Amino acid sequence: MEVSQIRNKDKVTYIIKGKIDANMEPVLAQALQLEGVNDLTFDFKEVDYIFSAGLRVLLKAQKQMNATGGKMTIINANDTIKKMLQIVGFDNIMIVK
């Protein structure tokens, strides 16, 4: 898994490539620098799998955005990942496009 970011003031986009599995969860968690972020986006265009540990990272990030009044969006997720996010109810607490 690779993580890169594009930051513009209080807006940050994390571009993730590869599988977000249990081994990569700490890498993703460490890469997230959310201080001062009000608009958080995850670009999943090149993510083909996300394990429950990755879902925990997303949930933690969403909670941080909620605490500061920010918003979080997941974009370019494939149909399988979108379906999983719907099944676990994440589409009710975060924006999934």
PDB file of N, CA and C in Angstrom:
ATOM      1  N   MET A   1       0.841  -1.176   0.000  1.00  0.00           N
ATOM      2  CA  MET A   1       0.000   0.000   0.000  1.00  0.00           C
ATOM      3  C   MET A   1       0.886   1.239   0.000  1.00  0.00           C
ATOM      4  N   GLU A   2       0.473   2.220  -0.759  1.00  0.00           N
ATOM      5  CA  GLU A   2       1.152   3.510  -0.783  1.00  0.00           C
ATOM      6  C   GLU A   2       0.151   4.593  -0.398  1.00  0.00           C
ATOM      7  N   VAL A   3       0.631   5.575   0.351  1.00  0.00           N
ATOM      8  CA  VAL A   3      -0.218   6.700   0.747  1.00  0.00           C
ATOM      9  C   VAL A   3       0.511   7.989   0.387  1.00  0.00           C
ATOM     10  N   SER A   4      -0.168   8.849  -0.345  1.00  0.00           N
ATOM     11  CA  SER A   4       0.372  10.182  -0.603  1.00  0.00           C
ATOM     12  C   SER A   4      -0.712  11.187  -0.273  1.00  0.00           C
ATOM     13  N   GLN A   5      -0.328  12.436  -0.094  1.00  0.00           N
ATOM     14  CA  GLN A   5      -1.311  13.438   0.271  1.00  0.00           C
ATOM     15  C   GLN A   5      -1.121  14.717  -0.529  1.00  0.00           C
ATOM     16  N   ILE A   6      -2.243  15.364  -0.748  1.00  0.00           N
ATOM     17  CA  ILE A   6      -2.270  16.694  -1.338  1.00  0.00           C
ATOM     18  C   ILE A   6      -2.931  17.582  -0.300  1.00  0.00           C
ATOM     19  N   ARG A   7      -2.217  18.597   0.123  1.00  0.00           N
ATOM     20  CA  ARG A   7      -2.736  19.470   1.179  1.00  0.00           C
ATOM     21  C   ARG A   7      -2.815  20.900   0.666  1.00  0.00           C
ATOM     22  N   ASN A   8      -3.932  21.538   0.939  1.00  0.00           N
ATOM     23  CA  ASN A   8      -4.153  22.932   0.586  1.00  0.00           C
ATOM     24  C   ASN A   8      -4.873  23.589   1.762  1.00  0.00           C
ATOM     25  N   LYS A   9      -4.104  24.236   2.611  1.00  0.00           N
ATOM     26  CA  LYS A   9      -4.621  24.879   3.823  1.00  0.00           C
ATOM     27  C   LYS A   9      -5.335  23.854   4.690  1.00  0.00           C
ATOM     28  N   ASP A  10      -6.671  23.989   4.869  1.00  0.00           N
ATOM     29  CA  ASP A  10      -7.397  23.076   5.751  1.00  0.00           C
ATOM     30  C   ASP A  10      -8.036  21.906   5.008  1.00  0.00           C
ATOM     31  N   LYS A  11      -7.666  21.721   3.748  1.00  0.00           N
ATOM     32  CA  LYS A  11      -8.188  20.613   2.950  1.00  0.00           C
ATOM     33  C   LYS A  11      -7.052  19.654   2.619  1.00  0.00           C
ATOM     34  N   VAL A  12      -7.283  18.355   2.852  1.00  0.00           N
ATOM     35  CA  VAL A  12      -6.276  17.352   2.531  1.00  0.00           C
ATOM     36  C   VAL A  12      -6.941  16.164   1.839  1.00  0.00           C
ATOM     37  N   THR A  13      -6.259  15.672   0.816  1.00  0.00           N
ATOM     38  CA  THR A  13      -6.694  14.472   0.113  1.00  0.00           C
ATOM     39  C   THR A  13      -5.603  13.429   0.249  1.00  0.00           C
ATOM     40  N   TYR A  14      -5.995  12.248   0.715  1.00  0.00           N
ATOM     41  CA  TYR A  14      -5.075  11.128   0.796  1.00  0.00           C
ATOM     42  C   TYR A  14      -5.364  10.206  -0.375  1.00  0.00           C
ATOM     43  N   ILE A  15      -4.349   9.967  -1.180  1.00  0.00           N
ATOM     44  CA  ILE A  15      -4.452   9.073  -2.328  1.00  0.00           C
ATOM     45  C   ILE A  15      -3.822   7.753  -1.902  1.00  0.00           C
ATOM     46  N   ILE A  16      -4.631   6.724  -1.921  1.00  0.00           N
ATOM     47  CA  ILE A  16      -4.186   5.424  -1.434  1.00  0.00           C
ATOM     48  C   ILE A  16      -4.145   4.443  -2.597  1.00  0.00           C
ATOM     49  N   LYS A  17      -3.074   3.667  -2.648  1.00  0.00           N
ATOM     50  CA  LYS A  17      -2.911   2.666  -3.699  1.00  0.00           C
ATOM     51  C   LYS A  17      -2.636   1.316  -3.052  1.00  0.00           C
ATOM     52  N   GLY A  18      -3.348   0.296  -3.492  1.00  0.00           N
ATOM     53  CA  GLY A  18      -3.105  -1.057  -3.004  1.00  0.00           C
ATOM     54  C   GLY A  18      -4.173  -1.522  -2.038  1.00  0.00           C
ATOM     55  N   LYS A  19      -3.822  -2.548  -1.290  1.00  0.00           N
ATOM     56  CA  LYS A  19      -4.739  -3.159  -0.323  1.00  0.00           C
ATOM     57  C   LYS A  19      -4.535  -2.551   1.056  1.00  0.00           C
ATOM     58  N   ILE A  20      -5.640  -2.240   1.711  1.00  0.00           N
ATOM     59  CA  ILE A  20      -5.579  -1.741   3.087  1.00  0.00           C
ATOM     60  C   ILE A  20      -5.919  -2.932   3.987  1.00  0.00           C
ATOM     61  N   ASP A  21      -4.899  -3.691   4.331  1.00  0.00           N
ATOM     62  CA  ASP A  21      -5.109  -4.873   5.160  1.00  0.00           C
ATOM     63  C   ASP A  21      -4.551  -4.630   6.558  1.00  0.00           C
ATOM     64  N   ALA A  22      -4.595  -5.662   7.381  1.00  0.00           N
ATOM     65  CA  ALA A  22      -4.164  -5.517   8.781  1.00  0.00           C
ATOM     66  C   ALA A  22      -2.708  -5.083   8.889  1.00  0.00           C
ATOM     67  N   ASN A  23      -1.863  -5.523   7.978  1.00  0.00           N
ATOM     68  CA  ASN A  23      -0.450  -5.147   8.023  1.00  0.00           C
ATOM     69  C   ASN A  23      -0.237  -3.677   7.670  1.00  0.00           C
ATOM     70  N   MET A  24      -1.115  -3.122   6.853  1.00  0.00           N
ATOM     71  CA  MET A  24      -0.949  -1.753   6.383  1.00  0.00           C
ATOM     72  C   MET A  24      -1.703  -0.735   7.239  1.00  0.00           C
ATOM     73  N   GLU A  25      -2.570  -1.189   8.109  1.00  0.00           N
ATOM     74  CA  GLU A  25      -3.360  -0.286   8.959  1.00  0.00           C
ATOM     75  C   GLU A  25      -2.480   0.673   9.760  1.00  0.00           C
ATOM     76  N   PRO A  26      -1.379   0.199  10.389  1.00  0.00           N
ATOM     77  CA  PRO A  26      -0.536   1.147  11.128  1.00  0.00           C
ATOM     78  C   PRO A  26       0.112   2.191  10.224  1.00  0.00           C
ATOM     79  N   VAL A  27       0.451   1.800   9.003  1.00  0.00           N
ATOM     80  CA  VAL A  27       1.055   2.738   8.054  1.00  0.00           C
ATOM     81  C   VAL A  27       0.059   3.841   7.720  1.00  0.00           C
ATOM     82  N   LEU A  28      -1.179   3.451   7.439  1.00  0.00           N
ATOM     83  CA  LEU A  28      -2.215   4.428   7.122  1.00  0.00           C
ATOM     84  C   LEU A  28      -2.496   5.311   8.332  1.00  0.00           C
ATOM     85  N   ALA A  29      -2.641   4.715   9.492  1.00  0.00           N
ATOM     86  CA  ALA A  29      -2.928   5.488  10.702  1.00  0.00           C
ATOM     87  C   ALA A  29      -1.834   6.516  10.973  1.00  0.00           C
ATOM     88  N   GLN A  30      -0.585   6.125  10.773  1.00  0.00           N
ATOM     89  CA  GLN A  30       0.526   7.032  11.016  1.00  0.00           C
ATOM     90  C   GLN A  30       0.582   8.142   9.968  1.00  0.00           C
ATOM     91  N   ALA A  31       0.170   7.843   8.735  1.00  0.00           N
ATOM     92  CA  ALA A  31       0.223   8.829   7.655  1.00  0.00           C
ATOM     93  C   ALA A  31      -0.801   9.949   7.834  1.00  0.00           C
ATOM     94  N   LEU A  32      -1.874   9.667   8.558  1.00  0.00           N
ATOM     95  CA  LEU A  32      -2.939  10.660   8.723  1.00  0.00           C
ATOM     96  C   LEU A  32      -2.506  11.769   9.674  1.00  0.00           C
ATOM     97  N   GLN A  33      -2.359  12.934   9.135  1.00  0.00           N
ATOM     98  CA  GLN A  33      -2.036  14.129   9.911  1.00  0.00           C
ATOM     99  C   GLN A  33      -3.234  15.061   9.784  1.00  0.00           C
ATOM    100  N   LEU A  34      -4.133  15.025  10.755  1.00  0.00           N
ATOM    101  CA  LEU A  34      -5.414  15.720  10.622  1.00  0.00           C
ATOM    102  C   LEU A  34      -5.504  17.021  11.401  1.00  0.00           C
ATOM    103  N   GLU A  35      -4.446  17.418  12.066  1.00  0.00           N
ATOM    104  CA  GLU A  35      -4.488  18.683  12.799  1.00  0.00           C
ATOM    105  C   GLU A  35      -4.704  19.837  11.817  1.00  0.00           C
ATOM    106  N   GLY A  36      -5.714  20.643  12.070  1.00  0.00           N
ATOM    107  CA  GLY A  36      -6.017  21.785  11.221  1.00  0.00           C
ATOM    108  C   GLY A  36      -6.788  21.439   9.963  1.00  0.00           C
ATOM    109  N   VAL A  37      -7.159  20.178   9.799  1.00  0.00           N
ATOM    110  CA  VAL A  37      -7.896  19.746   8.602  1.00  0.00           C
ATOM    111  C   VAL A  37      -9.391  19.889   8.853  1.00  0.00           C
ATOM    112  N   ASN A  38     -10.073  20.518   7.914  1.00  0.00           N
ATOM    113  CA  ASN A  38     -11.516  20.710   8.003  1.00  0.00           C
ATOM    114  C   ASN A  38     -12.255  19.984   6.878  1.00  0.00           C
ATOM    115  N   ASP A  39     -11.524  19.576   5.850  1.00  0.00           N
ATOM    116  CA  ASP A  39     -12.098  18.912   4.684  1.00  0.00           C
ATOM    117  C   ASP A  39     -11.157  17.770   4.310  1.00  0.00           C
ATOM    118  N   LEU A  40     -11.561  16.554   4.625  1.00  0.00           N
ATOM    119  CA  LEU A  40     -10.731  15.366   4.447  1.00  0.00           C
ATOM    120  C   LEU A  40     -11.312  14.491   3.352  1.00  0.00           C
ATOM    121  N   THR A  41     -10.469  14.112   2.397  1.00  0.00           N
ATOM    122  CA  THR A  41     -10.898  13.232   1.311  1.00  0.00           C
ATOM    123  C   THR A  41      -9.933  12.063   1.198  1.00  0.00           C
ATOM    124  N   PHE A  42     -10.502  10.880   1.013  1.00  0.00           N
ATOM    125  CA  PHE A  42      -9.727   9.688   0.698  1.00  0.00           C
ATOM    126  C   PHE A  42     -10.046   9.299  -0.735  1.00  0.00           C
ATOM    127  N   ASP A  43      -9.023   9.235  -1.583  1.00  0.00           N
ATOM    128  CA  ASP A  43      -9.199   8.805  -2.969  1.00  0.00           C
ATOM    129  C   ASP A  43      -8.853   7.319  -3.041  1.00  0.00           C
ATOM    130  N   PHE A  44      -9.870   6.500  -3.290  1.00  0.00           N
ATOM    131  CA  PHE A  44      -9.715   5.049  -3.317  1.00  0.00           C
ATOM    132  C   PHE A  44      -9.651   4.505  -4.740  1.00  0.00           C
ATOM    133  N   LYS A  45      -9.324   5.336  -5.710  1.00  0.00           N
ATOM    134  CA  LYS A  45      -9.320   4.900  -7.109  1.00  0.00           C
ATOM    135  C   LYS A  45      -8.472   3.640  -7.305  1.00  0.00           C
ATOM    136  N   GLU A  46      -7.364   3.546  -6.601  1.00  0.00           N
ATOM    137  CA  GLU A  46      -6.465   2.405  -6.781  1.00  0.00           C
ATOM    138  C   GLU A  46      -6.446   1.472  -5.568  1.00  0.00           C
ATOM    139  N   VAL A  47      -7.543   1.475  -4.801  1.00  0.00           N
ATOM    140  CA  VAL A  47      -7.683   0.544  -3.676  1.00  0.00           C
ATOM    141  C   VAL A  47      -8.597  -0.587  -4.138  1.00  0.00           C
ATOM    142  N   ASP A  48      -8.097  -1.818  -4.015  1.00  0.00           N
ATOM    143  CA  ASP A  48      -8.920  -2.940  -4.441  1.00  0.00           C
ATOM    144  C   ASP A  48      -9.429  -3.794  -3.285  1.00  0.00           C
ATOM    145  N   TYR A  49      -8.997  -3.471  -2.068  1.00  0.00           N
ATOM    146  CA  TYR A  49      -9.430  -4.251  -0.909  1.00  0.00           C
ATOM    147  C   TYR A  49      -9.218  -3.426   0.347  1.00  0.00           C
ATOM    148  N   ILE A  50     -10.167  -3.526   1.270  1.00  0.00           N
ATOM    149  CA  ILE A  50      -9.996  -2.888   2.578  1.00  0.00           C
ATOM    150  C   ILE A  50     -10.446  -3.865   3.653  1.00  0.00           C
ATOM    151  N   PHE A  51      -9.572  -4.115   4.601  1.00  0.00           N
ATOM    152  CA  PHE A  51      -9.810  -5.040   5.706  1.00  0.00           C
ATOM    153  C   PHE A  51     -10.418  -4.268   6.866  1.00  0.00           C
ATOM    154  N   SER A  52     -10.932  -4.957   7.855  1.00  0.00           N
ATOM    155  CA  SER A  52     -11.595  -4.307   8.988  1.00  0.00           C
ATOM    156  C   SER A  52     -10.680  -3.312   9.709  1.00  0.00           C
ATOM    157  N   ALA A  53      -9.387  -3.583   9.751  1.00  0.00           N
ATOM    158  CA  ALA A  53      -8.458  -2.647  10.395  1.00  0.00           C
ATOM    159  C   ALA A  53      -8.465  -1.308   9.665  1.00  0.00           C
ATOM    160  N   GLY A  54      -8.562  -1.333   8.351  1.00  0.00           N
ATOM    161  CA  GLY A  54      -8.656  -0.104   7.561  1.00  0.00           C
ATOM    162  C   GLY A  54      -9.948   0.635   7.832  1.00  0.00           C
ATOM    163  N   LEU A  55     -11.023  -0.123   8.041  1.00  0.00           N
ATOM    164  CA  LEU A  55     -12.305   0.505   8.378  1.00  0.00           C
ATOM    165  C   LEU A  55     -12.205   1.242   9.710  1.00  0.00           C
ATOM    166  N   ARG A  56     -11.460   0.683  10.647  1.00  0.00           N
ATOM    167  CA  ARG A  56     -11.277   1.349  11.944  1.00  0.00           C
ATOM    168  C   ARG A  56     -10.560   2.686  11.766  1.00  0.00           C
ATOM    169  N   VAL A  57      -9.572   2.727  10.874  1.00  0.00           N
ATOM    170  CA  VAL A  57      -8.862   3.979  10.618  1.00  0.00           C
ATOM    171  C   VAL A  57      -9.820   5.012  10.039  1.00  0.00           C
ATOM    172  N   LEU A  58     -10.669   4.593   9.105  1.00  0.00           N
ATOM    173  CA  LEU A  58     -11.651   5.515   8.518  1.00  0.00           C
ATOM    174  C   LEU A  58     -12.610   6.025   9.579  1.00  0.00           C
ATOM    175  N   LEU A  59     -13.076   5.134  10.448  1.00  0.00           N
ATOM    176  CA  LEU A  59     -14.001   5.533  11.504  1.00  0.00           C
ATOM    177  C   LEU A  59     -13.341   6.528  12.461  1.00  0.00           C
ATOM    178  N   LYS A  60     -12.102   6.283  12.807  1.00  0.00           N
ATOM    179  CA  LYS A  60     -11.384   7.207  13.695  1.00  0.00           C
ATOM    180  C   LYS A  60     -11.235   8.576  13.031  1.00  0.00           C
ATOM    181  N   ALA A  61     -10.903   8.583  11.740  1.00  0.00           N
ATOM    182  CA  ALA A  61     -10.768   9.854  11.022  1.00  0.00           C
ATOM    183  C   ALA A  61     -12.101  10.584  10.974  1.00  0.00           C
ATOM    184  N   GLN A  62     -13.192   9.848  10.751  1.00  0.00           N
ATOM    185  CA  GLN A  62     -14.512  10.477  10.716  1.00  0.00           C
ATOM    186  C   GLN A  62     -14.856  11.075  12.075  1.00  0.00           C
ATOM    187  N   LYS A  63     -14.533  10.375  13.143  1.00  0.00           N
ATOM    188  CA  LYS A  63     -14.790  10.902  14.489  1.00  0.00           C
ATOM    189  C   LYS A  63     -14.009  12.188  14.733  1.00  0.00           C
ATOM    190  N   GLN A  64     -12.762  12.238  14.232  1.00  0.00           N
ATOM    191  CA  GLN A  64     -11.969  13.458  14.385  1.00  0.00           C
ATOM    192  C   GLN A  64     -12.601  14.608  13.598  1.00  0.00           C
ATOM    193  N   MET A  65     -13.104  14.313  12.409  1.00  0.00           N
ATOM    194  CA  MET A  65     -13.760  15.354  11.610  1.00  0.00           C
ATOM    195  C   MET A  65     -15.040  15.819  12.299  1.00  0.00           C
ATOM    196  N   ASN A  66     -15.792  14.893  12.865  1.00  0.00           N
ATOM    197  CA  ASN A  66     -17.018  15.257  13.586  1.00  0.00           C
ATOM    198  C   ASN A  66     -16.706  16.174  14.764  1.00  0.00           C
ATOM    199  N   ALA A  67     -15.618  15.871  15.469  1.00  0.00           N
ATOM    200  CA  ALA A  67     -15.261  16.645  16.657  1.00  0.00           C
ATOM    201  C   ALA A  67     -14.889  18.082  16.318  1.00  0.00           C
ATOM    202  N   THR A  68     -14.396  18.304  15.106  1.00  0.00           N
ATOM    203  CA  THR A  68     -13.972  19.652  14.717  1.00  0.00           C
ATOM    204  C   THR A  68     -14.953  20.327  13.752  1.00  0.00           C
ATOM    205  N   GLY A  69     -16.057  19.648  13.456  1.00  0.00           N
ATOM    206  CA  GLY A  69     -17.037  20.209  12.528  1.00  0.00           C
ATOM    207  C   GLY A  69     -16.631  20.098  11.071  1.00  0.00           C
ATOM    208  N   GLY A  70     -15.657  19.246  10.787  1.00  0.00           N
ATOM    209  CA  GLY A  70     -15.196  19.052   9.412  1.00  0.00           C
ATOM    210  C   GLY A  70     -16.007  17.994   8.687  1.00  0.00           C
ATOM    211  N   LYS A  71     -15.634  17.766   7.436  1.00  0.00           N
ATOM    212  CA  LYS A  71     -16.320  16.733   6.664  1.00  0.00           C
ATOM    213  C   LYS A  71     -15.300  15.767   6.093  1.00  0.00           C
ATOM    214  N   MET A  72     -15.753  14.547   5.849  1.00  0.00           N
ATOM    215  CA  MET A  72     -14.905  13.509   5.285  1.00  0.00           C
ATOM    216  C   MET A  72     -15.620  12.870   4.121  1.00  0.00           C
ATOM    217  N   THR A  73     -14.877  12.644   3.038  1.00  0.00           N
ATOM    218  CA  THR A  73     -15.441  12.063   1.829  1.00  0.00           C
ATOM    219  C   THR A  73     -14.521  10.963   1.317  1.00  0.00           C
ATOM    220  N   ILE A  74     -15.117   9.885   0.859  1.00  0.00           N
ATOM    221  CA  ILE A  74     -14.382   8.844   0.161  1.00  0.00           C
ATOM    222  C   ILE A  74     -14.807   8.915  -1.297  1.00  0.00           C
ATOM    223  N   ILE A  75     -13.826   9.063  -2.185  1.00  0.00           N
ATOM    224  CA  ILE A  75     -14.137   9.173  -3.605  1.00  0.00           C
ATOM    225  C   ILE A  75     -13.490   8.026  -4.382  1.00  0.00           C
ATOM    226  N   ASN A  76     -14.051   7.760  -5.539  1.00  0.00           N
ATOM    227  CA  ASN A  76     -13.510   6.785  -6.503  1.00  0.00           C
ATOM    228  C   ASN A  76     -13.401   5.368  -5.966  1.00  0.00           C
ATOM    229  N   ALA A  77     -14.226   5.012  -4.989  1.00  0.00           N
ATOM    230  CA  ALA A  77     -14.214   3.633  -4.484  1.00  0.00           C
ATOM    231  C   ALA A  77     -14.865   2.719  -5.521  1.00  0.00           C
ATOM    232  N   ASN A  78     -14.315   1.512  -5.666  1.00  0.00           N
ATOM    233  CA  ASN A  78     -14.925   0.574  -6.601  1.00  0.00           C
ATOM    234  C   ASN A  78     -16.235   0.045  -6.009  1.00  0.00           C
ATOM    235  N   ASP A  79     -17.005  -0.653  -6.818  1.00  0.00           N
ATOM    236  CA  ASP A  79     -18.326  -1.118  -6.386  1.00  0.00           C
ATOM    237  C   ASP A  79     -18.260  -2.054  -5.185  1.00  0.00           C
ATOM    238  N   THR A  80     -17.240  -2.898  -5.126  1.00  0.00           N
ATOM    239  CA  THR A  80     -17.101  -3.829  -4.005  1.00  0.00           C
ATOM    240  C   THR A  80     -16.870  -3.078  -2.696  1.00  0.00           C
ATOM    241  N   ILE A  81     -15.995  -2.103  -2.725  1.00  0.00           N
ATOM    242  CA  ILE A  81     -15.724  -1.319  -1.512  1.00  0.00           C
ATOM    243  C   ILE A  81     -16.935  -0.481  -1.140  1.00  0.00           C
ATOM    244  N   LYS A  82     -17.602   0.119  -2.114  1.00  0.00           N
ATOM    245  CA  LYS A  82     -18.819   0.886  -1.814  1.00  0.00           C
ATOM    246  C   LYS A  82     -19.856  -0.009  -1.146  1.00  0.00           C
ATOM    247  N   LYS A  83     -20.029  -1.224  -1.656  1.00  0.00           N
ATOM    248  CA  LYS A  83     -21.007  -2.166  -1.088  1.00  0.00           C
ATOM    249  C   LYS A  83     -20.638  -2.494   0.359  1.00  0.00           C
ATOM    250  N   MET A  84     -19.357  -2.747   0.612  1.00  0.00           N
ATOM    251  CA  MET A  84     -18.933  -3.055   1.973  1.00  0.00           C
ATOM    252  C   MET A  84     -19.184  -1.867   2.897  1.00  0.00           C
ATOM    253  N   LEU A  85     -18.878  -0.657   2.436  1.00  0.00           N
ATOM    254  CA  LEU A  85     -19.114   0.531   3.258  1.00  0.00           C
ATOM    255  C   LEU A  85     -20.595   0.702   3.559  1.00  0.00           C
ATOM    256  N   GLN A  86     -21.449   0.336   2.598  1.00  0.00           N
ATOM    257  CA  GLN A  86     -22.895   0.385   2.827  1.00  0.00           C
ATOM    258  C   GLN A  86     -23.321  -0.663   3.847  1.00  0.00           C
ATOM    259  N   ILE A  87     -22.784  -1.873   3.715  1.00  0.00           N
ATOM    260  CA  ILE A  87     -23.151  -2.963   4.622  1.00  0.00           C
ATOM    261  C   ILE A  87     -22.826  -2.615   6.071  1.00  0.00           C
ATOM    262  N   VAL A  88     -21.664  -1.997   6.293  1.00  0.00           N
ATOM    263  CA  VAL A  88     -21.277  -1.652   7.674  1.00  0.00           C
ATOM    264  C   VAL A  88     -21.861  -0.315   8.117  1.00  0.00           C
ATOM    265  N   GLY A  89     -22.597   0.358   7.229  1.00  0.00           N
ATOM    266  CA  GLY A  89     -23.283   1.593   7.598  1.00  0.00           C
ATOM    267  C   GLY A  89     -22.450   2.851   7.492  1.00  0.00           C
ATOM    268  N   PHE A  90     -21.262   2.764   6.917  1.00  0.00           N
ATOM    269  CA  PHE A  90     -20.409   3.942   6.802  1.00  0.00           C
ATOM    270  C   PHE A  90     -20.993   4.988   5.873  1.00  0.00           C
ATOM    271  N   ASP A  91     -21.825   4.575   4.923  1.00  0.00           N
ATOM    272  CA  ASP A  91     -22.433   5.541   4.022  1.00  0.00           C
ATOM    273  C   ASP A  91     -23.424   6.441   4.750  1.00  0.00           C
ATOM    274  N   ASN A  92     -23.777   6.082   5.977  1.00  0.00           N
ATOM    275  CA  ASN A  92     -24.668   6.921   6.796  1.00  0.00           C
ATOM    276  C   ASN A  92     -23.916   7.932   7.645  1.00  0.00           C
ATOM    277  N   ILE A  93     -22.599   7.733   7.821  1.00  0.00           N
ATOM    278  CA  ILE A  93     -21.842   8.637   8.682  1.00  0.00           C
ATOM    279  C   ILE A  93     -20.766   9.406   7.942  1.00  0.00           C
ATOM    280  N   MET A  94     -20.500   9.037   6.690  1.00  0.00           N
ATOM    281  CA  MET A  94     -19.512   9.748   5.881  1.00  0.00           C
ATOM    282  C   MET A  94     -20.004   9.794   4.439  1.00  0.00           C
ATOM    283  N   ILE A  95     -19.449  10.687   3.668  1.00  0.00           N
ATOM    284  CA  ILE A  95     -19.835  10.833   2.272  1.00  0.00           C
ATOM    285  C   ILE A  95     -19.035   9.827   1.462  1.00  0.00           C
ATOM    286  N   VAL A  96     -19.745   8.990   0.683  1.00  0.00           N
ATOM    287  CA  VAL A  96     -19.106   8.005  -0.181  1.00  0.00           C
ATOM    288  C   VAL A  96     -19.571   8.284  -1.596  1.00  0.00           C
ATOM    289  N   LYS A  97     -18.608   8.637  -2.450  1.00  0.00           N
ATOM    290  CA  LYS A  97     -18.940   8.932  -3.838  1.00  0.00           C
ATOM    291  C   LYS A  97     -18.314   7.919  -4.771  1.00  0.00           C
TER     292      LYS A  97
END
